[in-house]
Amino acid sequence: MVEDNKSYSEIIQQVLEFKGYKVKCAYDGVQAIDAAINEVFDLILIDNQMPLMDGFTAVKTIRTFNDKIPIISISCENDDEFINRCYENGMNMHIPKFSIFKAIQNNLIESCVNQENYMLKVKI
């Protein structure tokens, strides 16, 4: 999970771990790229507005060496233009931050991990 707000990150991490996920946190796009290069993940949850490097730039870079890993945008923004920008930049799904708990509860993240060749356009 890549999220610059450490308090929010800790809460989401606890919820995901309760659901059985192993979670590694990065706090900016540079750390996300470093982790994606050096470790194997089933999924990346990434905020788009972060210091040093935003999520869009980080995902474009990650896609140059890993086009298979599911990447889910998590952001407060939820308008159609923003969501389309997420998909155009290589993300597979967008979940608004205010709906992340609902998405975890409804196994939406798990469904993204278990699908191949997907682009889930879900507006919660």
N, C-alpha and C. Protein backbone atom coordinates (compact mmCIF):
# COMPACT_ATOMS: atom_id res chain seq x y z
N MET A 1 0.84 -1.16 0.00
CA MET A 1 0.00 0.00 0.00
C MET A 1 0.89 1.23 0.00
N VAL A 2 0.53 2.19 -0.83
CA VAL A 2 1.30 3.42 -0.94
C VAL A 2 0.38 4.58 -0.57
N GLU A 3 0.67 5.18 0.56
CA GLU A 3 -0.19 6.24 1.10
C GLU A 3 0.67 7.14 1.97
N ASP A 4 0.66 8.45 1.69
CA ASP A 4 1.51 9.38 2.43
C ASP A 4 0.95 9.75 3.81
N ASN A 5 -0.33 9.56 4.03
CA ASN A 5 -0.93 9.85 5.33
C ASN A 5 -0.74 8.62 6.22
N LYS A 6 0.23 8.71 7.13
CA LYS A 6 0.60 7.54 7.93
C LYS A 6 -0.53 7.06 8.84
N SER A 7 -1.33 7.95 9.36
CA SER A 7 -2.46 7.54 10.21
C SER A 7 -3.47 6.73 9.40
N TYR A 8 -3.83 7.24 8.23
CA TYR A 8 -4.77 6.55 7.35
C TYR A 8 -4.18 5.20 6.92
N SER A 9 -2.90 5.21 6.59
CA SER A 9 -2.20 4.01 6.17
C SER A 9 -2.26 2.93 7.25
N GLU A 10 -2.03 3.32 8.49
CA GLU A 10 -2.05 2.36 9.59
C GLU A 10 -3.44 1.75 9.79
N ILE A 11 -4.47 2.55 9.64
CA ILE A 11 -5.84 2.04 9.80
C ILE A 11 -6.16 1.04 8.70
N ILE A 12 -5.87 1.40 7.45
CA ILE A 12 -6.14 0.50 6.33
C ILE A 12 -5.30 -0.76 6.47
N GLN A 13 -4.06 -0.62 6.89
CA GLN A 13 -3.20 -1.79 7.09
C GLN A 13 -3.82 -2.75 8.11
N GLN A 14 -4.31 -2.23 9.21
CA GLN A 14 -4.92 -3.07 10.23
C GLN A 14 -6.14 -3.80 9.70
N VAL A 15 -6.97 -3.11 8.94
CA VAL A 15 -8.17 -3.73 8.37
C VAL A 15 -7.78 -4.83 7.37
N LEU A 16 -6.82 -4.54 6.52
CA LEU A 16 -6.37 -5.54 5.54
C LEU A 16 -5.75 -6.75 6.24
N GLU A 17 -4.95 -6.51 7.25
CA GLU A 17 -4.33 -7.63 7.98
C GLU A 17 -5.39 -8.46 8.70
N PHE A 18 -6.42 -7.81 9.22
CA PHE A 18 -7.53 -8.53 9.84
C PHE A 18 -8.21 -9.46 8.83
N LYS A 19 -8.26 -9.01 7.58
CA LYS A 19 -8.86 -9.83 6.50
C LYS A 19 -7.89 -10.90 5.99
N GLY A 20 -6.67 -10.92 6.51
CA GLY A 20 -5.72 -11.96 6.14
C GLY A 20 -4.63 -11.56 5.16
N TYR A 21 -4.60 -10.30 4.78
CA TYR A 21 -3.57 -9.83 3.85
C TYR A 21 -2.28 -9.52 4.60
N LYS A 22 -1.15 -9.72 3.94
CA LYS A 22 0.12 -9.23 4.44
C LYS A 22 0.34 -7.89 3.75
N VAL A 23 0.68 -6.88 4.52
CA VAL A 23 0.74 -5.52 3.98
C VAL A 23 2.13 -4.92 4.22
N LYS A 24 2.66 -4.32 3.17
CA LYS A 24 3.89 -3.51 3.28
C LYS A 24 3.49 -2.10 2.88
N CYS A 25 3.95 -1.13 3.65
CA CYS A 25 3.58 0.26 3.37
C CYS A 25 4.76 1.04 2.81
N ALA A 26 4.45 1.86 1.83
CA ALA A 26 5.37 2.87 1.30
C ALA A 26 4.64 4.20 1.44
N TYR A 27 5.39 5.28 1.50
CA TYR A 27 4.78 6.57 1.79
C TYR A 27 4.92 7.60 0.68
N ASP A 28 5.49 7.20 -0.45
CA ASP A 28 5.54 8.05 -1.63
C ASP A 28 5.82 7.18 -2.85
N GLY A 29 5.74 7.77 -4.01
CA GLY A 29 5.93 7.03 -5.25
C GLY A 29 7.32 6.45 -5.41
N VAL A 30 8.33 7.15 -4.92
CA VAL A 30 9.71 6.66 -5.02
C VAL A 30 9.86 5.37 -4.23
N GLN A 31 9.34 5.34 -3.01
CA GLN A 31 9.38 4.13 -2.20
C GLN A 31 8.58 3.01 -2.85
N ALA A 32 7.47 3.35 -3.49
CA ALA A 32 6.65 2.34 -4.16
C ALA A 32 7.43 1.66 -5.28
N ILE A 33 8.11 2.44 -6.08
CA ILE A 33 8.90 1.87 -7.18
C ILE A 33 10.00 0.99 -6.64
N ASP A 34 10.70 1.46 -5.62
CA ASP A 34 11.77 0.67 -5.01
C ASP A 34 11.23 -0.67 -4.50
N ALA A 35 10.11 -0.65 -3.82
CA ALA A 35 9.51 -1.89 -3.30
C ALA A 35 9.09 -2.81 -4.45
N ALA A 36 8.50 -2.24 -5.49
CA ALA A 36 8.04 -3.05 -6.63
C ALA A 36 9.21 -3.69 -7.38
N ILE A 37 10.35 -3.04 -7.38
CA ILE A 37 11.55 -3.60 -8.03
C ILE A 37 12.14 -4.73 -7.20
N ASN A 38 12.15 -4.56 -5.88
CA ASN A 38 12.89 -5.47 -5.01
C ASN A 38 12.06 -6.56 -4.34
N GLU A 39 10.75 -6.48 -4.45
CA GLU A 39 9.89 -7.47 -3.79
C GLU A 39 8.78 -7.91 -4.73
N VAL A 40 8.13 -9.01 -4.37
CA VAL A 40 7.02 -9.52 -5.16
C VAL A 40 5.72 -9.26 -4.39
N PHE A 41 4.76 -8.66 -5.06
CA PHE A 41 3.47 -8.36 -4.46
C PHE A 41 2.36 -8.92 -5.31
N ASP A 42 1.22 -9.21 -4.68
CA ASP A 42 0.03 -9.65 -5.40
C ASP A 42 -0.79 -8.47 -5.89
N LEU A 43 -0.59 -7.31 -5.26
CA LEU A 43 -1.44 -6.16 -5.52
C LEU A 43 -0.77 -4.90 -4.99
N ILE A 44 -1.04 -3.78 -5.64
CA ILE A 44 -0.60 -2.48 -5.12
C ILE A 44 -1.83 -1.59 -4.97
N LEU A 45 -2.03 -1.06 -3.76
CA LEU A 45 -3.00 0.00 -3.52
C LEU A 45 -2.20 1.29 -3.47
N ILE A 46 -2.60 2.28 -4.25
CA ILE A 46 -1.76 3.50 -4.32
C ILE A 46 -2.60 4.77 -4.34
N ASP A 47 -2.21 5.69 -3.48
CA ASP A 47 -2.78 7.04 -3.48
C ASP A 47 -2.19 7.76 -4.69
N ASN A 48 -2.84 8.77 -5.17
CA ASN A 48 -2.35 9.48 -6.35
C ASN A 48 -1.68 10.80 -6.03
N GLN A 49 -2.02 11.39 -4.91
CA GLN A 49 -1.45 12.69 -4.57
C GLN A 49 -0.52 12.51 -3.37
N MET A 50 0.78 12.45 -3.66
CA MET A 50 1.79 12.23 -2.62
C MET A 50 3.01 13.11 -2.90
N PRO A 51 3.82 13.33 -1.87
CA PRO A 51 5.05 14.10 -2.08
C PRO A 51 6.10 13.29 -2.84
N LEU A 52 7.11 13.95 -3.32
CA LEU A 52 8.24 13.39 -4.07
C LEU A 52 7.83 12.85 -5.43
N MET A 53 6.87 11.94 -5.48
CA MET A 53 6.38 11.41 -6.76
C MET A 53 4.93 10.98 -6.59
N ASP A 54 4.07 11.45 -7.47
CA ASP A 54 2.66 11.10 -7.35
C ASP A 54 2.40 9.67 -7.82
N GLY A 55 1.21 9.19 -7.54
CA GLY A 55 0.84 7.82 -7.89
C GLY A 55 0.82 7.56 -9.39
N PHE A 56 0.40 8.55 -10.16
CA PHE A 56 0.35 8.37 -11.61
C PHE A 56 1.74 8.11 -12.18
N THR A 57 2.70 8.92 -11.76
CA THR A 57 4.08 8.76 -12.23
C THR A 57 4.66 7.44 -11.76
N ALA A 58 4.41 7.09 -10.51
CA ALA A 58 4.92 5.83 -9.97
C ALA A 58 4.35 4.64 -10.74
N VAL A 59 3.06 4.66 -11.03
CA VAL A 59 2.45 3.54 -11.75
C VAL A 59 2.99 3.44 -13.17
N LYS A 60 3.15 4.57 -13.85
CA LYS A 60 3.74 4.54 -15.19
C LYS A 60 5.11 3.86 -15.16
N THR A 61 5.90 4.17 -14.14
CA THR A 61 7.23 3.57 -14.01
C THR A 61 7.13 2.08 -13.70
N ILE A 62 6.27 1.72 -12.77
CA ILE A 62 6.09 0.30 -12.42
C ILE A 62 5.64 -0.49 -13.64
N ARG A 63 4.78 0.08 -14.45
CA ARG A 63 4.29 -0.62 -15.64
C ARG A 63 5.39 -0.88 -16.66
N THR A 64 6.51 -0.18 -16.59
CA THR A 64 7.61 -0.44 -17.53
C THR A 64 8.31 -1.76 -17.25
N PHE A 65 8.20 -2.25 -16.02
CA PHE A 65 8.84 -3.53 -15.68
C PHE A 65 7.87 -4.57 -15.12
N ASN A 66 6.62 -4.17 -14.88
CA ASN A 66 5.63 -5.12 -14.40
C ASN A 66 4.25 -4.70 -14.90
N ASP A 67 3.81 -5.35 -15.96
CA ASP A 67 2.50 -5.00 -16.52
C ASP A 67 1.41 -5.95 -16.03
N LYS A 68 1.74 -6.87 -15.15
CA LYS A 68 0.77 -7.88 -14.69
C LYS A 68 0.15 -7.56 -13.34
N ILE A 69 0.89 -6.92 -12.44
CA ILE A 69 0.40 -6.72 -11.08
C ILE A 69 -0.84 -5.82 -11.08
N PRO A 70 -1.89 -6.22 -10.38
CA PRO A 70 -3.06 -5.33 -10.26
C PRO A 70 -2.70 -4.11 -9.42
N ILE A 71 -3.08 -2.96 -9.92
CA ILE A 71 -2.84 -1.71 -9.19
C ILE A 71 -4.17 -0.98 -9.02
N ILE A 72 -4.50 -0.70 -7.77
CA ILE A 72 -5.76 -0.04 -7.44
C ILE A 72 -5.47 1.36 -6.92
N SER A 73 -6.08 2.34 -7.54
CA SER A 73 -6.00 3.72 -7.09
C SER A 73 -6.90 3.91 -5.88
N ILE A 74 -6.38 4.58 -4.86
CA ILE A 74 -7.20 5.01 -3.73
C ILE A 74 -7.03 6.52 -3.61
N SER A 75 -8.11 7.24 -3.71
CA SER A 75 -8.04 8.70 -3.70
C SER A 75 -9.36 9.29 -3.22
N CYS A 76 -9.28 10.50 -2.72
CA CYS A 76 -10.50 11.22 -2.34
C CYS A 76 -11.28 11.67 -3.58
N GLU A 77 -10.58 11.83 -4.67
CA GLU A 77 -11.25 12.25 -5.91
C GLU A 77 -12.02 11.08 -6.49
N ASN A 78 -13.18 11.38 -7.07
CA ASN A 78 -14.01 10.30 -7.59
C ASN A 78 -14.82 10.71 -8.82
N ASP A 79 -14.44 11.77 -9.48
CA ASP A 79 -15.18 12.17 -10.68
C ASP A 79 -14.70 11.34 -11.88
N ASP A 80 -15.52 11.29 -12.91
CA ASP A 80 -15.23 10.44 -14.07
C ASP A 80 -13.91 10.79 -14.74
N GLU A 81 -13.59 12.08 -14.84
CA GLU A 81 -12.33 12.49 -15.46
C GLU A 81 -11.13 11.94 -14.69
N PHE A 82 -11.19 12.01 -13.37
CA PHE A 82 -10.10 11.50 -12.55
C PHE A 82 -9.99 9.97 -12.69
N ILE A 83 -11.11 9.30 -12.65
CA ILE A 83 -11.11 7.83 -12.77
C ILE A 83 -10.54 7.41 -14.11
N ASN A 84 -10.94 8.07 -15.18
CA ASN A 84 -10.38 7.76 -16.51
C ASN A 84 -8.88 8.00 -16.55
N ARG A 85 -8.42 9.04 -15.87
CA ARG A 85 -6.98 9.32 -15.81
C ARG A 85 -6.25 8.15 -15.12
N CYS A 86 -6.88 7.58 -14.09
CA CYS A 86 -6.28 6.42 -13.41
C CYS A 86 -6.08 5.28 -14.40
N TYR A 87 -7.12 4.96 -15.16
CA TYR A 87 -7.03 3.86 -16.13
C TYR A 87 -6.02 4.17 -17.24
N GLU A 88 -6.01 5.40 -17.70
CA GLU A 88 -5.07 5.80 -18.75
C GLU A 88 -3.61 5.69 -18.29
N ASN A 89 -3.39 5.79 -16.99
CA ASN A 89 -2.04 5.72 -16.44
C ASN A 89 -1.66 4.33 -15.94
N GLY A 90 -2.47 3.32 -16.25
CA GLY A 90 -2.09 1.95 -15.95
C GLY A 90 -2.68 1.32 -14.71
N MET A 91 -3.61 2.00 -14.08
CA MET A 91 -4.27 1.42 -12.91
C MET A 91 -5.43 0.55 -13.37
N ASN A 92 -5.73 -0.48 -12.60
CA ASN A 92 -6.79 -1.41 -12.97
C ASN A 92 -8.13 -1.10 -12.33
N MET A 93 -8.11 -0.33 -11.27
CA MET A 93 -9.33 -0.06 -10.52
C MET A 93 -9.13 1.21 -9.71
N HIS A 94 -10.22 1.89 -9.44
CA HIS A 94 -10.18 3.05 -8.55
C HIS A 94 -11.20 2.84 -7.44
N ILE A 95 -10.75 3.04 -6.21
CA ILE A 95 -11.65 2.98 -5.05
C ILE A 95 -11.53 4.31 -4.32
N PRO A 96 -12.63 5.03 -4.18
CA PRO A 96 -12.56 6.28 -3.40
C PRO A 96 -12.19 5.98 -1.95
N LYS A 97 -11.40 6.85 -1.35
CA LYS A 97 -10.98 6.61 0.03
C LYS A 97 -12.16 6.43 0.98
N PHE A 98 -13.23 7.17 0.73
CA PHE A 98 -14.37 7.06 1.63
C PHE A 98 -15.10 5.72 1.49
N SER A 99 -14.74 4.93 0.48
CA SER A 99 -15.38 3.62 0.26
C SER A 99 -14.44 2.45 0.47
N ILE A 100 -13.20 2.70 0.90
CA ILE A 100 -12.22 1.62 0.98
C ILE A 100 -12.65 0.53 1.95
N PHE A 101 -13.25 0.90 3.08
CA PHE A 101 -13.67 -0.12 4.04
C PHE A 101 -14.78 -1.00 3.45
N LYS A 102 -15.70 -0.38 2.74
CA LYS A 102 -16.77 -1.12 2.07
C LYS A 102 -16.18 -2.06 1.01
N ALA A 103 -15.20 -1.56 0.27
CA ALA A 103 -14.57 -2.38 -0.78
C ALA A 103 -13.85 -3.59 -0.17
N ILE A 104 -13.17 -3.38 0.95
CA ILE A 104 -12.49 -4.48 1.62
C ILE A 104 -13.51 -5.48 2.14
N GLN A 105 -14.55 -4.97 2.76
CA GLN A 105 -15.60 -5.84 3.30
C GLN A 105 -16.27 -6.66 2.19
N ASN A 106 -16.46 -6.08 1.03
CA ASN A 106 -17.13 -6.76 -0.08
C ASN A 106 -16.16 -7.55 -0.97
N ASN A 107 -14.93 -7.71 -0.51
CA ASN A 107 -13.91 -8.50 -1.22
C ASN A 107 -13.61 -7.98 -2.62
N LEU A 108 -13.80 -6.69 -2.84
CA LEU A 108 -13.53 -6.09 -4.15
C LEU A 108 -12.05 -6.16 -4.48
N ILE A 109 -11.21 -5.97 -3.48
CA ILE A 109 -9.76 -6.03 -3.70
C ILE A 109 -9.36 -7.45 -4.09
N GLU A 110 -9.91 -8.43 -3.38
CA GLU A 110 -9.62 -9.83 -3.69
C GLU A 110 -10.03 -10.17 -5.12
N SER A 111 -11.16 -9.66 -5.56
CA SER A 111 -11.61 -9.96 -6.93
C SER A 111 -10.64 -9.39 -7.96
N CYS A 112 -10.02 -8.28 -7.65
CA CYS A 112 -9.03 -7.68 -8.56
C CYS A 112 -7.79 -8.56 -8.64
N VAL A 113 -7.36 -9.11 -7.52
CA VAL A 113 -6.18 -9.97 -7.49
C VAL A 113 -6.43 -11.26 -8.27
N ASN A 114 -7.62 -11.78 -8.21
CA ASN A 114 -7.93 -13.09 -8.79
C ASN A 114 -8.31 -13.06 -10.27
N GLN A 115 -8.31 -11.92 -10.89
CA GLN A 115 -8.68 -11.83 -12.30
C GLN A 115 -7.46 -11.53 -13.16
N GLU A 116 -7.47 -12.09 -14.36
CA GLU A 116 -6.43 -11.77 -15.33
C GLU A 116 -7.05 -10.93 -16.44
N ASN A 117 -6.23 -10.10 -17.04
CA ASN A 117 -6.68 -9.27 -18.16
C ASN A 117 -7.97 -8.51 -17.80
N TYR A 118 -7.89 -7.67 -16.85
CA TYR A 118 -9.07 -7.02 -16.34
C TYR A 118 -8.86 -5.51 -16.31
N MET A 119 -9.94 -4.83 -16.31
CA MET A 119 -9.98 -3.41 -16.07
C MET A 119 -11.33 -3.21 -15.40
N LEU A 120 -11.33 -3.10 -14.11
CA LEU A 120 -12.58 -2.97 -13.38
C LEU A 120 -12.94 -1.51 -13.23
N LYS A 121 -13.98 -1.11 -13.88
CA LYS A 121 -14.44 0.27 -13.74
C LYS A 121 -15.61 0.26 -12.76
N VAL A 122 -15.28 0.47 -11.52
CA VAL A 122 -16.26 0.43 -10.45
C VAL A 122 -16.36 1.79 -9.83
N LYS A 123 -17.54 2.31 -9.73
CA LYS A 123 -17.74 3.58 -9.05
C LYS A 123 -18.62 3.28 -7.84
N ILE A 124 -18.03 3.43 -6.66
CA ILE A 124 -18.75 3.10 -5.43
C ILE A 124 -19.33 4.36 -4.84
